[in-house]
Amino acid sequence: MTIVAKKITPMMEQFFNIKKDYSDALLFYRMGDFYELFFEDAIKASEALNITLTSRGKHLDQKIPMCGVPVHSADNYLLSLIKKGFKVAVCEQVESPAEAKKRGYKAIVKRDVVRLVTPGTLTEESLLEAREYNFLCAFSEIRGKNALAWVDISTGDFWVKSCEKTHLGSLISRLAPKEILVSENMGSALPEALIGFKATITPLSNLMFESTSAKKGFVSFIKLIH
């Protein structure tokens, strides 16, 4: 989403600054008792959730598309979006309005993304199927060798296995992962076995897949999703 930040309110400026770091996710922007979505996020969410699309003020003389979901029932909407392959960045108010006012009458409440929710990173019981694993996989191809790792973050169960590409399809079919992490360097060269399933494909920096930095990268990723 490309947005030109010009002549905007402090709240919209805050929104833009947060959104630019989560361009591939829908931003649940906390405003009181609602998570609000704006611009393209609002259009996509309103269609996916079948909720009303409205508008809030103007940006560059154009009405700002907006929709929202109540915080108390957000899990139901999150589950619907995740099942449809969306990623959601949950942006919370990290201070109270009273604390914000101490910085000045026009100060806005500080907000920050506290969690990036993706199909393979669900941990809430209300969002998980009771009798099946919710696997997050990572596929790596280094110096002609292939490996697949998979984890259920909700249980902590973890496995890793070297595999030939000819066997990758059957392994993926058996695991039925909800999300597969791959190196962004793969681009359109993804193995056909990864493309043929409904799992969400999430490209990550190639550094995440190099042995010298994989451990550090994995720890950073886990911190992000929690």
C-alpha atoms as a PDB file:
ATOM      1  CA  MET A   1       0.000   0.000   0.000  1.00  0.00           C
ATOM      2  CA  THR A   2       1.468   3.314  -1.101  1.00  0.00           C
ATOM      3  CA  ILE A   3       0.219   6.312   0.885  1.00  0.00           C
ATOM      4  CA  VAL A   4       1.486   9.845   0.539  1.00  0.00           C
ATOM      5  CA  ALA A   5       1.727  11.325   4.033  1.00  0.00           C
ATOM      6  CA  LYS A   6       1.046  15.032   3.472  1.00  0.00           C
ATOM      7  CA  LYS A   7      -1.121  17.478   5.409  1.00  0.00           C
ATOM      8  CA  ILE A   8      -2.347  14.822   7.793  1.00  0.00           C
ATOM      9  CA  THR A   9      -3.583  14.739  11.370  1.00  0.00           C
ATOM     10  CA  PRO A  10      -1.259  13.509  14.151  1.00  0.00           C
ATOM     11  CA  MET A  11      -3.316  10.318  14.429  1.00  0.00           C
ATOM     12  CA  MET A  12      -3.016   9.544  10.716  1.00  0.00           C
ATOM     13  CA  GLU A  13       0.701  10.339  10.849  1.00  0.00           C
ATOM     14  CA  GLN A  14       1.034   7.779  13.624  1.00  0.00           C
ATOM     15  CA  PHE A  15      -0.942   5.284  11.546  1.00  0.00           C
ATOM     16  CA  PHE A  16       1.299   5.762   8.509  1.00  0.00           C
ATOM     17  CA  ASN A  17       4.478   5.361  10.571  1.00  0.00           C
ATOM     18  CA  ILE A  18       3.249   2.059  11.981  1.00  0.00           C
ATOM     19  CA  LYS A  19       1.715   0.742   8.768  1.00  0.00           C
ATOM     20  CA  LYS A  20       4.892   1.192   6.700  1.00  0.00           C
ATOM     21  CA  ASP A  21       6.550  -1.599   8.708  1.00  0.00           C
ATOM     22  CA  TYR A  22       3.635  -3.999   8.117  1.00  0.00           C
ATOM     23  CA  SER A  23       2.779  -3.394   4.487  1.00  0.00           C
ATOM     24  CA  ASP A  24       1.888  -7.064   3.856  1.00  0.00           C
ATOM     25  CA  ALA A  25      -0.510  -7.315   6.814  1.00  0.00           C
ATOM     26  CA  LEU A  26      -3.859  -5.840   7.763  1.00  0.00           C
ATOM     27  CA  LEU A  27      -3.326  -3.350  10.584  1.00  0.00           C
ATOM     28  CA  PHE A  28      -5.759  -3.659  13.505  1.00  0.00           C
ATOM     29  CA  TYR A  29      -5.328  -0.125  14.872  1.00  0.00           C
ATOM     30  CA  ARG A  30      -6.735   0.137  18.406  1.00  0.00           C
ATOM     31  CA  MET A  31      -8.991   3.127  19.020  1.00  0.00           C
ATOM     32  CA  GLY A  32     -10.794   2.768  22.319  1.00  0.00           C
ATOM     33  CA  ASP A  33     -13.096  -0.254  22.210  1.00  0.00           C
ATOM     34  CA  PHE A  34     -12.529  -0.941  18.496  1.00  0.00           C
ATOM     35  CA  TYR A  35      -9.787  -2.076  16.169  1.00  0.00           C
ATOM     36  CA  GLU A  36     -10.067   0.221  13.165  1.00  0.00           C
ATOM     37  CA  LEU A  37      -8.750  -0.462   9.661  1.00  0.00           C
ATOM     38  CA  PHE A  38      -8.072   2.244   7.092  1.00  0.00           C
ATOM     39  CA  PHE A  39      -7.493   2.656   3.345  1.00  0.00           C
ATOM     40  CA  GLU A  40      -6.848  -0.609   1.434  1.00  0.00           C
ATOM     41  CA  ASP A  41      -6.852  -2.602   4.676  1.00  0.00           C
ATOM     42  CA  ALA A  42     -10.420  -1.459   5.315  1.00  0.00           C
ATOM     43  CA  ILE A  43     -11.561  -2.366   1.814  1.00  0.00           C
ATOM     44  CA  LYS A  44     -10.024  -5.847   2.012  1.00  0.00           C
ATOM     45  CA  ALA A  45     -11.314  -6.518   5.526  1.00  0.00           C
ATOM     46  CA  SER A  46     -14.849  -5.307   4.811  1.00  0.00           C
ATOM     47  CA  GLU A  47     -15.063  -7.674   1.829  1.00  0.00           C
ATOM     48  CA  ALA A  48     -13.508 -10.622   3.670  1.00  0.00           C
ATOM     49  CA  LEU A  49     -15.601 -10.168   6.817  1.00  0.00           C
ATOM     50  CA  ASN A  50     -18.771  -8.888   5.142  1.00  0.00           C
ATOM     51  CA  ILE A  51     -18.866  -5.826   7.392  1.00  0.00           C
ATOM     52  CA  THR A  52     -19.824  -2.255   6.566  1.00  0.00           C
ATOM     53  CA  LEU A  53     -17.243  -0.042   4.890  1.00  0.00           C
ATOM     54  CA  THR A  54     -17.524   3.567   6.015  1.00  0.00           C
ATOM     55  CA  SER A  55     -15.169   6.549   5.954  1.00  0.00           C
ATOM     56  CA  ARG A  56     -13.355   8.762   8.454  1.00  0.00           C
ATOM     57  CA  GLY A  57     -12.364  12.285   7.500  1.00  0.00           C
ATOM     58  CA  LYS A  58     -10.279  12.991   4.408  1.00  0.00           C
ATOM     59  CA  HIS A  59      -6.717  12.521   3.219  1.00  0.00           C
ATOM     60  CA  LEU A  60      -5.522  14.608   0.256  1.00  0.00           C
ATOM     61  CA  ASP A  61      -9.161  15.652  -0.282  1.00  0.00           C
ATOM     62  CA  GLN A  62     -10.284  12.031  -0.559  1.00  0.00           C
ATOM     63  CA  LYS A  63     -12.474  10.230   1.968  1.00  0.00           C
ATOM     64  CA  ILE A  64     -10.536   7.672   4.046  1.00  0.00           C
ATOM     65  CA  PRO A  65     -12.110   4.177   3.775  1.00  0.00           C
ATOM     66  CA  MET A  66     -12.612   2.702   7.235  1.00  0.00           C
ATOM     67  CA  CYS A  67     -14.149  -0.296   8.952  1.00  0.00           C
ATOM     68  CA  GLY A  68     -13.814  -1.644  12.462  1.00  0.00           C
ATOM     69  CA  VAL A  69     -14.409  -4.605  14.758  1.00  0.00           C
ATOM     70  CA  PRO A  70     -15.118  -4.559  18.506  1.00  0.00           C
ATOM     71  CA  VAL A  71     -12.158  -5.479  20.681  1.00  0.00           C
ATOM     72  CA  HIS A  72     -14.246  -7.858  22.804  1.00  0.00           C
ATOM     73  CA  SER A  73     -15.089 -10.022  19.780  1.00  0.00           C
ATOM     74  CA  ALA A  74     -11.913  -9.499  17.761  1.00  0.00           C
ATOM     75  CA  ASP A  75     -10.842 -13.152  17.978  1.00  0.00           C
ATOM     76  CA  ASN A  76     -13.756 -14.237  15.781  1.00  0.00           C
ATOM     77  CA  TYR A  77     -12.807 -11.731  13.095  1.00  0.00           C
ATOM     78  CA  LEU A  78      -9.129 -12.636  13.384  1.00  0.00           C
ATOM     79  CA  LEU A  79      -9.928 -16.298  12.827  1.00  0.00           C
ATOM     80  CA  SER A  80     -11.976 -15.501   9.717  1.00  0.00           C
ATOM     81  CA  LEU A  81      -9.157 -13.400   8.255  1.00  0.00           C
ATOM     82  CA  ILE A  82      -6.450 -15.937   9.073  1.00  0.00           C
ATOM     83  CA  LYS A  83      -8.465 -18.761   7.492  1.00  0.00           C
ATOM     84  CA  LYS A  84      -8.622 -16.672   4.332  1.00  0.00           C
ATOM     85  CA  GLY A  85      -4.840 -16.297   4.260  1.00  0.00           C
ATOM     86  CA  PHE A  86      -4.458 -12.778   5.648  1.00  0.00           C
ATOM     87  CA  LYS A  87      -1.817 -11.672   8.125  1.00  0.00           C
ATOM     88  CA  VAL A  88      -2.883  -9.262  10.855  1.00  0.00           C
ATOM     89  CA  ALA A  89      -0.697  -6.828  12.803  1.00  0.00           C
ATOM     90  CA  VAL A  90      -2.406  -6.072  16.122  1.00  0.00           C
ATOM     91  CA  CYS A  91      -1.644  -2.487  17.153  1.00  0.00           C
ATOM     92  CA  GLU A  92      -2.559  -1.687  20.759  1.00  0.00           C
ATOM     93  CA  GLN A  93      -2.722   1.502  22.799  1.00  0.00           C
ATOM     94  CA  VAL A  94       0.343   1.236  25.031  1.00  0.00           C
ATOM     95  CA  GLU A  95      -0.658   4.079  27.320  1.00  0.00           C
ATOM     96  CA  SER A  96      -3.906   5.575  28.615  1.00  0.00           C
ATOM     97  CA  PRO A  97      -5.424   8.853  27.344  1.00  0.00           C
ATOM     98  CA  ALA A  98      -4.661  10.340  30.763  1.00  0.00           C
ATOM     99  CA  GLU A  99      -0.972   9.457  30.386  1.00  0.00           C
ATOM    100  CA  ALA A 100      -0.944  10.993  26.892  1.00  0.00           C
ATOM    101  CA  LYS A 101      -2.382  14.281  28.178  1.00  0.00           C
ATOM    102  CA  LYS A 102       0.557  14.632  30.556  1.00  0.00           C
ATOM    103  CA  ARG A 103       2.717  15.252  27.468  1.00  0.00           C
ATOM    104  CA  GLY A 104       0.421  18.023  26.255  1.00  0.00           C
ATOM    105  CA  TYR A 105      -3.211  18.748  25.492  1.00  0.00           C
ATOM    106  CA  LYS A 106      -2.941  17.663  21.848  1.00  0.00           C
ATOM    107  CA  ALA A 107      -0.751  14.611  22.459  1.00  0.00           C
ATOM    108  CA  ILE A 108      -2.162  11.377  21.038  1.00  0.00           C
ATOM    109  CA  VAL A 109      -2.075   8.001  22.733  1.00  0.00           C
ATOM    110  CA  LYS A 110       1.053   5.966  21.969  1.00  0.00           C
ATOM    111  CA  ARG A 111       0.400   2.826  19.953  1.00  0.00           C
ATOM    112  CA  ASP A 112       2.568  -0.063  18.868  1.00  0.00           C
ATOM    113  CA  VAL A 113       2.193  -3.452  17.206  1.00  0.00           C
ATOM    114  CA  VAL A 114       2.261  -6.072  19.935  1.00  0.00           C
ATOM    115  CA  ARG A 115       1.740  -9.101  17.751  1.00  0.00           C
ATOM    116  CA  LEU A 116       1.847 -10.227  14.145  1.00  0.00           C
ATOM    117  CA  VAL A 117      -0.803 -12.922  13.660  1.00  0.00           C
ATOM    118  CA  THR A 118      -0.308 -15.329  10.758  1.00  0.00           C
ATOM    119  CA  PRO A 119      -1.892 -18.711   9.932  1.00  0.00           C
ATOM    120  CA  GLY A 120       1.034 -20.630  11.415  1.00  0.00           C
ATOM    121  CA  THR A 121       1.533 -18.572  14.584  1.00  0.00           C
ATOM    122  CA  LEU A 122      -1.804 -18.944  16.359  1.00  0.00           C
ATOM    123  CA  THR A 123      -1.614 -19.799  20.061  1.00  0.00           C
ATOM    124  CA  GLU A 124      -5.057 -18.859  21.397  1.00  0.00           C
ATOM    125  CA  GLU A 125      -7.294 -21.871  22.008  1.00  0.00           C
ATOM    126  CA  SER A 126     -10.231 -19.937  20.605  1.00  0.00           C
ATOM    127  CA  LEU A 127      -8.455 -19.666  17.243  1.00  0.00           C
ATOM    128  CA  LEU A 128      -7.202 -23.248  16.980  1.00  0.00           C
ATOM    129  CA  GLU A 129      -8.822 -26.499  15.897  1.00  0.00           C
ATOM    130  CA  ALA A 130      -8.959 -28.743  18.955  1.00  0.00           C
ATOM    131  CA  ARG A 131      -7.952 -32.025  17.310  1.00  0.00           C
ATOM    132  CA  GLU A 132      -5.294 -31.059  14.793  1.00  0.00           C
ATOM    133  CA  TYR A 133      -1.825 -29.566  14.678  1.00  0.00           C
ATOM    134  CA  ASN A 134      -1.329 -26.012  13.482  1.00  0.00           C
ATOM    135  CA  PHE A 135       2.028 -26.390  11.768  1.00  0.00           C
ATOM    136  CA  LEU A 136       4.359 -23.574  10.784  1.00  0.00           C
ATOM    137  CA  CYS A 137       6.935 -24.924   8.312  1.00  0.00           C
ATOM    138  CA  ALA A 138      10.220 -23.574   7.019  1.00  0.00           C
ATOM    139  CA  PHE A 139      11.756 -24.853   3.789  1.00  0.00           C
ATOM    140  CA  SER A 140      15.424 -24.298   3.030  1.00  0.00           C
ATOM    141  CA  GLU A 141      17.612 -25.119   0.055  1.00  0.00           C
ATOM    142  CA  ILE A 142      21.341 -24.625   0.644  1.00  0.00           C
ATOM    143  CA  ARG A 143      24.150 -25.854  -1.607  1.00  0.00           C
ATOM    144  CA  GLY A 144      21.857 -28.371  -3.283  1.00  0.00           C
ATOM    145  CA  LYS A 145      20.550 -29.788  -0.007  1.00  0.00           C
ATOM    146  CA  ASN A 146      16.902 -29.465   1.049  1.00  0.00           C
ATOM    147  CA  ALA A 147      15.394 -29.483   4.518  1.00  0.00           C
ATOM    148  CA  LEU A 148      12.003 -28.913   6.060  1.00  0.00           C
ATOM    149  CA  ALA A 149      11.418 -27.876   9.667  1.00  0.00           C
ATOM    150  CA  TRP A 150       7.996 -27.695  11.269  1.00  0.00           C
ATOM    151  CA  VAL A 151       6.696 -26.545  14.619  1.00  0.00           C
ATOM    152  CA  ASP A 152       3.359 -26.196  16.384  1.00  0.00           C
ATOM    153  CA  ILE A 153       3.885 -23.014  18.382  1.00  0.00           C
ATOM    154  CA  SER A 154       0.834 -23.694  20.539  1.00  0.00           C
ATOM    155  CA  THR A 155       2.354 -26.954  21.857  1.00  0.00           C
ATOM    156  CA  GLY A 156       6.099 -26.434  21.341  1.00  0.00           C
ATOM    157  CA  ASP A 157       6.456 -29.637  19.287  1.00  0.00           C
ATOM    158  CA  PHE A 158       9.280 -29.269  16.763  1.00  0.00           C
ATOM    159  CA  TRP A 159      10.770 -31.456  14.025  1.00  0.00           C
ATOM    160  CA  VAL A 160      13.325 -31.068  11.220  1.00  0.00           C
ATOM    161  CA  LYS A 161      14.042 -33.394   8.309  1.00  0.00           C
ATOM    162  CA  SER A 162      16.266 -33.410   5.248  1.00  0.00           C
ATOM    163  CA  CYS A 163      14.301 -34.342   2.160  1.00  0.00           C
ATOM    164  CA  GLU A 164      14.579 -34.670  -1.585  1.00  0.00           C
ATOM    165  CA  LYS A 165      12.326 -32.472  -3.682  1.00  0.00           C
ATOM    166  CA  THR A 166      10.664 -35.600  -5.057  1.00  0.00           C
ATOM    167  CA  HIS A 167       9.492 -36.459  -1.529  1.00  0.00           C
ATOM    168  CA  LEU A 168       8.595 -32.923  -0.498  1.00  0.00           C
ATOM    169  CA  GLY A 169       5.046 -33.089  -1.840  1.00  0.00           C
ATOM    170  CA  SER A 170       4.080 -36.159   0.158  1.00  0.00           C
ATOM    171  CA  LEU A 171       5.627 -34.726   3.339  1.00  0.00           C
ATOM    172  CA  ILE A 172       3.802 -31.407   2.957  1.00  0.00           C
ATOM    173  CA  SER A 173       0.561 -33.252   2.215  1.00  0.00           C
ATOM    174  CA  ARG A 174       0.904 -35.285   5.409  1.00  0.00           C
ATOM    175  CA  LEU A 175       1.699 -32.264   7.587  1.00  0.00           C
ATOM    176  CA  ALA A 176      -0.922 -29.946   6.033  1.00  0.00           C
ATOM    177  CA  PRO A 177       0.857 -26.811   7.348  1.00  0.00           C
ATOM    178  CA  LYS A 178      -1.020 -23.546   7.659  1.00  0.00           C
ATOM    179  CA  GLU A 179       2.041 -21.450   6.741  1.00  0.00           C
ATOM    180  CA  ILE A 180       5.410 -22.084   5.079  1.00  0.00           C
ATOM    181  CA  LEU A 181       8.421 -19.814   5.524  1.00  0.00           C
ATOM    182  CA  VAL A 182      10.836 -19.551   2.601  1.00  0.00           C
ATOM    183  CA  SER A 183      13.801 -17.411   1.643  1.00  0.00           C
ATOM    184  CA  GLU A 184      12.832 -14.301  -0.299  1.00  0.00           C
ATOM    185  CA  ASN A 185      15.662 -15.158  -2.690  1.00  0.00           C
ATOM    186  CA  MET A 186      13.617 -18.075  -4.016  1.00  0.00           C
ATOM    187  CA  GLY A 187      11.155 -15.755  -5.704  1.00  0.00           C
ATOM    188  CA  SER A 188       9.370 -17.595  -8.505  1.00  0.00           C
ATOM    189  CA  ALA A 189      11.701 -20.607  -8.126  1.00  0.00           C
ATOM    190  CA  LEU A 190       9.595 -22.135  -5.350  1.00  0.00           C
ATOM    191  CA  PRO A 191       9.275 -25.929  -5.579  1.00  0.00           C
ATOM    192  CA  GLU A 192       5.947 -26.928  -7.109  1.00  0.00           C
ATOM    193  CA  ALA A 193       5.179 -28.972  -3.989  1.00  0.00           C
ATOM    194  CA  LEU A 194       4.998 -25.773  -1.927  1.00  0.00           C
ATOM    195  CA  ILE A 195       2.769 -23.924  -4.366  1.00  0.00           C
ATOM    196  CA  GLY A 196       0.194 -26.667  -4.773  1.00  0.00           C
ATOM    197  CA  PHE A 197      -1.165 -26.444  -1.227  1.00  0.00           C
ATOM    198  CA  LYS A 198      -3.413 -23.938   0.539  1.00  0.00           C
ATOM    199  CA  ALA A 199      -0.718 -22.954   3.035  1.00  0.00           C
ATOM    200  CA  THR A 200       0.242 -19.289   3.200  1.00  0.00           C
ATOM    201  CA  ILE A 201       3.742 -18.750   1.770  1.00  0.00           C
ATOM    202  CA  THR A 202       5.716 -16.165   3.770  1.00  0.00           C
ATOM    203  CA  PRO A 203       9.050 -14.949   2.303  1.00  0.00           C
ATOM    204  CA  LEU A 204      11.678 -13.928   4.874  1.00  0.00           C
ATOM    205  CA  SER A 205      15.140 -12.441   4.591  1.00  0.00           C
ATOM    206  CA  ASN A 206      17.743 -14.910   3.343  1.00  0.00           C
ATOM    207  CA  LEU A 207      19.696 -14.245   6.549  1.00  0.00           C
ATOM    208  CA  MET A 208      17.049 -16.234   8.405  1.00  0.00           C
ATOM    209  CA  PHE A 209      18.144 -19.323   6.499  1.00  0.00           C
ATOM    210  CA  GLU A 210      21.916 -19.021   6.800  1.00  0.00           C
ATOM    211  CA  SER A 211      23.447 -21.264   9.445  1.00  0.00           C
ATOM    212  CA  THR A 212      25.549 -18.472  10.972  1.00  0.00           C
ATOM    213  CA  SER A 213      22.538 -16.279  11.700  1.00  0.00           C
ATOM    214  CA  ALA A 214      19.600 -18.704  11.703  1.00  0.00           C
ATOM    215  CA  LYS A 215      19.447 -19.036  15.470  1.00  0.00           C
ATOM    216  CA  LYS A 216      19.447 -15.269  15.989  1.00  0.00           C
ATOM    217  CA  GLY A 217      16.871 -14.802  13.251  1.00  0.00           C
ATOM    218  CA  PHE A 218      14.598 -17.505  14.645  1.00  0.00           C
ATOM    219  CA  VAL A 219      14.673 -15.915  18.098  1.00  0.00           C
ATOM    220  CA  SER A 220      13.819 -12.519  16.576  1.00  0.00           C
ATOM    221  CA  PHE A 221      10.908 -14.021  14.652  1.00  0.00           C
ATOM    222  CA  ILE A 222       9.503 -15.738  17.738  1.00  0.00           C
ATOM    223  CA  LYS A 223       9.707 -12.471  19.677  1.00  0.00           C
ATOM    224  CA  LEU A 224       7.842 -10.692  16.867  1.00  0.00           C
ATOM    225  CA  ILE A 225       4.910 -13.107  16.701  1.00  0.00           C
ATOM    226  CA  HIS A 226       4.506 -13.085  20.476  1.00  0.00           C
END
